PDB file of all heavy atoms in Angstrom:
ATOM      1  N   THR A   1      20.658 -99.059  36.473  1.00  0.00           N
ATOM      2  CA  THR A   1      21.132 -97.741  36.045  1.00  0.00           C
ATOM      3  C   THR A   1      20.568 -96.603  36.899  1.00  0.00           C
ATOM      4  O   THR A   1      21.180 -95.534  36.990  1.00  0.00           O
ATOM      5  CB  THR A   1      20.733 -97.486  34.578  1.00  0.00           C
ATOM      6  OG1 THR A   1      19.397 -97.960  34.370  1.00  0.00           O
ATOM      7  CG2 THR A   1      21.678 -98.184  33.627  1.00  0.00           C
ATOM      8  N   SER A   2      19.409 -96.810  37.504  1.00  0.00           N
ATOM      9  CA  SER A   2      18.716 -95.716  38.181  1.00  0.00           C
ATOM     10  C   SER A   2      19.519 -95.094  39.325  1.00  0.00           C
ATOM     11  O   SER A   2      19.608 -93.858  39.413  1.00  0.00           O
ATOM     12  CB  SER A   2      17.350 -96.183  38.683  1.00  0.00           C
ATOM     13  OG  SER A   2      16.512 -96.515  37.604  1.00  0.00           O
ATOM     14  N   PRO A   3      20.109 -95.875  40.238  1.00  0.00           N
ATOM     15  CA  PRO A   3      20.882 -95.253  41.318  1.00  0.00           C
ATOM     16  C   PRO A   3      22.060 -94.422  40.799  1.00  0.00           C
ATOM     17  O   PRO A   3      22.326 -93.328  41.309  1.00  0.00           O
ATOM     18  CB  PRO A   3      21.378 -96.454  42.128  1.00  0.00           C
ATOM     19  CG  PRO A   3      20.428 -97.552  41.812  1.00  0.00           C
ATOM     20  CD  PRO A   3      20.038 -97.340  40.392  1.00  0.00           C
ATOM     21  N   VAL A   4      22.759 -94.956  39.775  1.00  0.00           N
ATOM     22  CA  VAL A   4      23.912 -94.237  39.228  1.00  0.00           C
ATOM     23  C   VAL A   4      23.465 -92.925  38.592  1.00  0.00           C
ATOM     24  O   VAL A   4      24.079 -91.870  38.798  1.00  0.00           O
ATOM     25  CB  VAL A   4      24.643 -95.113  38.186  1.00  0.00           C
ATOM     26  CG1 VAL A   4      25.912 -94.415  37.704  1.00  0.00           C
ATOM     27  CG2 VAL A   4      24.975 -96.480  38.765  1.00  0.00           C
ATOM     28  N   ILE A   5      22.402 -92.986  37.820  1.00  0.00           N
ATOM     29  CA  ILE A   5      21.884 -91.779  37.159  1.00  0.00           C
ATOM     30  C   ILE A   5      21.428 -90.755  38.191  1.00  0.00           C
ATOM     31  O   ILE A   5      21.657 -89.551  38.037  1.00  0.00           O
ATOM     32  CB  ILE A   5      20.736 -92.153  36.202  1.00  0.00           C
ATOM     33  CG1 ILE A   5      21.286 -92.917  34.995  1.00  0.00           C
ATOM     34  CG2 ILE A   5      19.987 -90.899  35.738  1.00  0.00           C
ATOM     35  CD1 ILE A   5      20.219 -93.458  34.065  1.00  0.00           C
ATOM     36  N   SER A   6      20.794 -91.214  39.265  1.00  0.00           N
ATOM     37  CA  SER A   6      20.316 -90.266  40.281  1.00  0.00           C
ATOM     38  C   SER A   6      21.474 -89.499  40.901  1.00  0.00           C
ATOM     39  O   SER A   6      21.354 -88.295  41.167  1.00  0.00           O
ATOM     40  CB  SER A   6      19.520 -91.008  41.360  1.00  0.00           C
ATOM     41  OG  SER A   6      20.357 -91.805  42.176  1.00  0.00           O
ATOM     42  N   ASN A   7      22.600 -90.159  41.131  1.00  0.00           N
ATOM     43  CA  ASN A   7      23.765 -89.457  41.688  1.00  0.00           C
ATOM     44  C   ASN A   7      24.334 -88.445  40.704  1.00  0.00           C
ATOM     45  O   ASN A   7      24.779 -87.360  41.097  1.00  0.00           O
ATOM     46  CB  ASN A   7      24.844 -90.461  42.091  1.00  0.00           C
ATOM     47  CG  ASN A   7      24.691 -90.950  43.520  1.00  0.00           C
ATOM     48  OD1 ASN A   7      23.970 -90.350  44.322  1.00  0.00           O
ATOM     49  ND2 ASN A   7      25.376 -92.028  43.854  1.00  0.00           N
ATOM     50  N   ILE A   8      24.349 -88.801  39.421  1.00  0.00           N
ATOM     51  CA  ILE A   8      24.841 -87.875  38.399  1.00  0.00           C
ATOM     52  C   ILE A   8      23.945 -86.630  38.342  1.00  0.00           C
ATOM     53  O   ILE A   8      24.429 -85.492  38.303  1.00  0.00           O
ATOM     54  CB  ILE A   8      24.893 -88.566  37.022  1.00  0.00           C
ATOM     55  CG1 ILE A   8      25.952 -89.670  37.028  1.00  0.00           C
ATOM     56  CG2 ILE A   8      25.188 -87.551  35.918  1.00  0.00           C
ATOM     57  CD1 ILE A   8      25.933 -90.544  35.776  1.00  0.00           C
ATOM     58  N   ILE A   9      22.644 -86.859  38.361  1.00  0.00           N
ATOM     59  CA  ILE A   9      21.690 -85.749  38.272  1.00  0.00           C
ATOM     60  C   ILE A   9      21.759 -84.855  39.503  1.00  0.00           C
ATOM     61  O   ILE A   9      21.600 -83.634  39.404  1.00  0.00           O
ATOM     62  CB  ILE A   9      20.271 -86.315  38.065  1.00  0.00           C
ATOM     63  CG1 ILE A   9      20.151 -86.870  36.639  1.00  0.00           C
ATOM     64  CG2 ILE A   9      19.201 -85.257  38.337  1.00  0.00           C
ATOM     65  CD1 ILE A   9      18.873 -87.617  36.365  1.00  0.00           C
ATOM     66  N   MET A  10      22.028 -85.436  40.668  1.00  0.00           N
ATOM     67  CA  MET A  10      22.041 -84.667  41.917  1.00  0.00           C
ATOM     68  C   MET A  10      23.389 -84.008  42.208  1.00  0.00           C
ATOM     69  O   MET A  10      23.521 -83.304  43.210  1.00  0.00           O
ATOM     70  CB  MET A  10      21.668 -85.573  43.082  1.00  0.00           C
ATOM     71  CG  MET A  10      20.227 -86.049  43.082  1.00  0.00           C
ATOM     72  SD  MET A  10      19.027 -84.700  43.235  1.00  0.00           S
ATOM     73  CE  MET A  10      19.319 -84.191  44.934  1.00  0.00           C
ATOM     74  N   ARG A  11      24.371 -84.207  41.342  1.00  0.00           N
ATOM     75  CA  ARG A  11      25.709 -83.684  41.634  1.00  0.00           C
ATOM     76  C   ARG A  11      25.724 -82.164  41.790  1.00  0.00           C
ATOM     77  O   ARG A  11      26.288 -81.641  42.767  1.00  0.00           O
ATOM     78  CB  ARG A  11      26.697 -84.108  40.549  1.00  0.00           C
ATOM     79  CG  ARG A  11      28.131 -83.709  40.880  1.00  0.00           C
ATOM     80  CD  ARG A  11      29.125 -84.230  39.847  1.00  0.00           C
ATOM     81  NE  ARG A  11      30.481 -83.965  40.282  1.00  0.00           N
ATOM     82  CZ  ARG A  11      31.131 -82.824  40.084  1.00  0.00           C
ATOM     83  NH1 ARG A  11      30.519 -81.832  39.442  1.00  0.00           N
ATOM     84  NH2 ARG A  11      32.361 -82.658  40.526  1.00  0.00           N
ATOM     85  N   ASP A  12      25.134 -81.439  40.875  1.00  0.00           N
ATOM     86  CA  ASP A  12      25.129 -79.974  40.970  1.00  0.00           C
ATOM     87  C   ASP A  12      24.386 -79.509  42.216  1.00  0.00           C
ATOM     88  O   ASP A  12      24.807 -78.564  42.900  1.00  0.00           O
ATOM     89  CB  ASP A  12      24.508 -79.357  39.718  1.00  0.00           C
ATOM     90  CG  ASP A  12      25.389 -79.520  38.490  1.00  0.00           C
ATOM     91  OD1 ASP A  12      26.582 -79.830  38.662  1.00  0.00           O
ATOM     92  OD2 ASP A  12      24.871 -79.365  37.362  1.00  0.00           O
ATOM     93  N   PHE A  13      23.263 -80.166  42.505  1.00  0.00           N
ATOM     94  CA  PHE A  13      22.513 -79.838  43.723  1.00  0.00           C
ATOM     95  C   PHE A  13      23.386 -80.053  44.953  1.00  0.00           C
ATOM     96  O   PHE A  13      23.464 -79.186  45.837  1.00  0.00           O
ATOM     97  CB  PHE A  13      21.262 -80.718  43.801  1.00  0.00           C
ATOM     98  CG  PHE A  13      20.533 -80.634  45.120  1.00  0.00           C
ATOM     99  CD1 PHE A  13      19.544 -79.687  45.322  1.00  0.00           C
ATOM    100  CD2 PHE A  13      20.847 -81.507  46.161  1.00  0.00           C
ATOM    101  CE1 PHE A  13      18.876 -79.605  46.540  1.00  0.00           C
ATOM    102  CE2 PHE A  13      20.186 -81.434  47.377  1.00  0.00           C
ATOM    103  CZ  PHE A  13      19.201 -80.488  47.572  1.00  0.00           C
ATOM    104  N   ASP A  14      24.038 -81.215  45.026  1.00  0.00           N
ATOM    105  CA  ASP A  14      24.894 -81.522  46.176  1.00  0.00           C
ATOM    106  C   ASP A  14      26.000 -80.487  46.352  1.00  0.00           C
ATOM    107  O   ASP A  14      26.286 -80.048  47.471  1.00  0.00           O
ATOM    108  CB  ASP A  14      25.529 -82.907  46.006  1.00  0.00           C
ATOM    109  CG  ASP A  14      24.549 -84.040  46.272  1.00  0.00           C
ATOM    110  OD1 ASP A  14      23.521 -83.795  46.925  1.00  0.00           O
ATOM    111  OD2 ASP A  14      24.827 -85.171  45.829  1.00  0.00           O
ATOM    112  N   CYS A  15      26.630 -80.117  45.241  1.00  0.00           N
ATOM    113  CA  CYS A  15      27.747 -79.172  45.326  1.00  0.00           C
ATOM    114  C   CYS A  15      27.268 -77.789  45.758  1.00  0.00           C
ATOM    115  O   CYS A  15      27.954 -77.098  46.527  1.00  0.00           O
ATOM    116  CB  CYS A  15      28.476 -79.104  43.988  1.00  0.00           C
ATOM    117  SG  CYS A  15      29.384 -80.624  43.588  1.00  0.00           S
ATOM    118  N   THR A  16      26.096 -77.376  45.284  1.00  0.00           N
ATOM    119  CA  THR A  16      25.545 -76.075  45.686  1.00  0.00           C
ATOM    120  C   THR A  16      25.190 -76.077  47.165  1.00  0.00           C
ATOM    121  O   THR A  16      25.616 -75.195  47.932  1.00  0.00           O
ATOM    122  CB  THR A  16      24.291 -75.739  44.853  1.00  0.00           C
ATOM    123  OG1 THR A  16      24.655 -75.641  43.478  1.00  0.00           O
ATOM    124  CG2 THR A  16      23.683 -74.421  45.317  1.00  0.00           C
ATOM    125  N   VAL A  17      24.418 -77.066  47.583  1.00  0.00           N
ATOM    126  CA  VAL A  17      23.985 -77.148  48.980  1.00  0.00           C
ATOM    127  C   VAL A  17      25.173 -77.452  49.888  1.00  0.00           C
ATOM    128  O   VAL A  17      25.331 -76.849  50.960  1.00  0.00           O
ATOM    129  CB  VAL A  17      22.885 -78.219  49.141  1.00  0.00           C
ATOM    130  CG1 VAL A  17      22.554 -78.435  50.612  1.00  0.00           C
ATOM    131  CG2 VAL A  17      21.638 -77.806  48.368  1.00  0.00           C
ATOM    132  N   GLY A  18      26.027 -78.376  49.455  1.00  0.00           N
ATOM    133  CA  GLY A  18      27.189 -78.736  50.264  1.00  0.00           C
ATOM    134  C   GLY A  18      28.157 -77.586  50.437  1.00  0.00           C
ATOM    135  O   GLY A  18      28.709 -77.377  51.527  1.00  0.00           O
ATOM    136  N   GLY A  19      28.378 -76.826  49.366  1.00  0.00           N
ATOM    137  CA  GLY A  19      29.264 -75.668  49.464  1.00  0.00           C
ATOM    138  C   GLY A  19      28.708 -74.618  50.414  1.00  0.00           C
ATOM    139  O   GLY A  19      29.449 -74.016  51.197  1.00  0.00           O
ATOM    140  N   TRP A  20      27.397 -74.386  50.338  1.00  0.00           N
ATOM    141  CA  TRP A  20      26.732 -73.445  51.253  1.00  0.00           C
ATOM    142  C   TRP A  20      26.898 -73.906  52.696  1.00  0.00           C
ATOM    143  O   TRP A  20      27.185 -73.094  53.592  1.00  0.00           O
ATOM    144  CB  TRP A  20      25.255 -73.353  50.873  1.00  0.00           C
ATOM    145  CG  TRP A  20      24.447 -72.350  51.633  1.00  0.00           C
ATOM    146  CD1 TRP A  20      24.224 -71.036  51.292  1.00  0.00           C
ATOM    147  CD2 TRP A  20      23.720 -72.564  52.856  1.00  0.00           C
ATOM    148  NE1 TRP A  20      23.418 -70.425  52.219  1.00  0.00           N
ATOM    149  CE2 TRP A  20      23.089 -71.342  53.194  1.00  0.00           C
ATOM    150  CE3 TRP A  20      23.558 -73.661  53.696  1.00  0.00           C
ATOM    151  CZ2 TRP A  20      22.309 -71.191  54.339  1.00  0.00           C
ATOM    152  CZ3 TRP A  20      22.772 -73.521  54.840  1.00  0.00           C
ATOM    153  CH2 TRP A  20      22.160 -72.303  55.156  1.00  0.00           C
ATOM    154  N   CYS A  21      26.733 -75.204  52.926  1.00  0.00           N
ATOM    155  CA  CYS A  21      26.877 -75.752  54.280  1.00  0.00           C
ATOM    156  C   CYS A  21      28.324 -75.686  54.773  1.00  0.00           C
ATOM    157  O   CYS A  21      28.582 -75.336  55.938  1.00  0.00           O
ATOM    158  CB  CYS A  21      26.386 -77.205  54.314  1.00  0.00           C
ATOM    159  SG  CYS A  21      24.603 -77.391  54.147  1.00  0.00           S
ATOM    160  N   ASP A  22      29.265 -76.013  53.897  1.00  0.00           N
ATOM    161  CA  ASP A  22      30.680 -75.973  54.288  1.00  0.00           C
ATOM    162  C   ASP A  22      31.073 -74.581  54.763  1.00  0.00           C
ATOM    163  O   ASP A  22      31.831 -74.419  55.732  1.00  0.00           O
ATOM    164  CB  ASP A  22      31.568 -76.395  53.113  1.00  0.00           C
ATOM    165  CG  ASP A  22      31.463 -77.885  52.790  1.00  0.00           C
ATOM    166  OD1 ASP A  22      30.953 -78.642  53.648  1.00  0.00           O
ATOM    167  OD2 ASP A  22      31.870 -78.281  51.682  1.00  0.00           O
ATOM    168  N   ALA A  23      30.575 -73.568  54.078  1.00  0.00           N
ATOM    169  CA  ALA A  23      30.911 -72.185  54.439  1.00  0.00           C
ATOM    170  C   ALA A  23      30.357 -71.796  55.804  1.00  0.00           C
ATOM    171  O   ALA A  23      30.837 -70.835  56.424  1.00  0.00           O
ATOM    172  CB  ALA A  23      30.385 -71.225  53.370  1.00  0.00           C
ATOM    173  N   ARG A  24      29.409 -72.559  56.309  1.00  0.00           N
ATOM    174  CA  ARG A  24      28.774 -72.248  57.596  1.00  0.00           C
ATOM    175  C   ARG A  24      29.038 -73.300  58.661  1.00  0.00           C
ATOM    176  O   ARG A  24      28.411 -73.294  59.723  1.00  0.00           O
ATOM    177  CB  ARG A  24      27.254 -72.084  57.375  1.00  0.00           C
ATOM    178  CG  ARG A  24      26.915 -70.837  56.561  1.00  0.00           C
ATOM    179  CD  ARG A  24      25.534 -70.929  55.940  1.00  0.00           C
ATOM    180  NE  ARG A  24      25.203 -69.696  55.209  1.00  0.00           N
ATOM    181  CZ  ARG A  24      25.669 -69.419  54.000  1.00  0.00           C
ATOM    182  NH1 ARG A  24      26.476 -70.278  53.380  1.00  0.00           N
ATOM    183  NH2 ARG A  24      25.336 -68.281  53.412  1.00  0.00           N
ATOM    184  N   GLY A  25      29.953 -74.208  58.371  1.00  0.00           N
ATOM    185  CA  GLY A  25      30.306 -75.226  59.350  1.00  0.00           C
ATOM    186  C   GLY A  25      29.219 -76.254  59.595  1.00  0.00           C
ATOM    187  O   GLY A  25      29.142 -76.851  60.667  1.00  0.00           O
ATOM    188  N   ILE A  26      28.384 -76.491  58.593  1.00  0.00           N
ATOM    189  CA  ILE A  26      27.293 -77.463  58.702  1.00  0.00           C
ATOM    190  C   ILE A  26      27.691 -78.732  57.950  1.00  0.00           C
ATOM    191  O   ILE A  26      28.148 -78.662  56.800  1.00  0.00           O
ATOM    192  CB  ILE A  26      25.983 -76.909  58.106  1.00  0.00           C
ATOM    193  CG1 ILE A  26      25.600 -75.586  58.780  1.00  0.00           C
ATOM    194  CG2 ILE A  26      24.854 -77.919  58.220  1.00  0.00           C
ATOM    195  CD1 ILE A  26      24.456 -74.857  58.085  1.00  0.00           C
TER     196      ILE A  26
END
């Protein structure tokens, strides 16, 4: 269960950081 849960928990972080990067071509 641990890997699956870690992805669920990190989803908001990924979307925040990923969105910031997408806006800057990173």
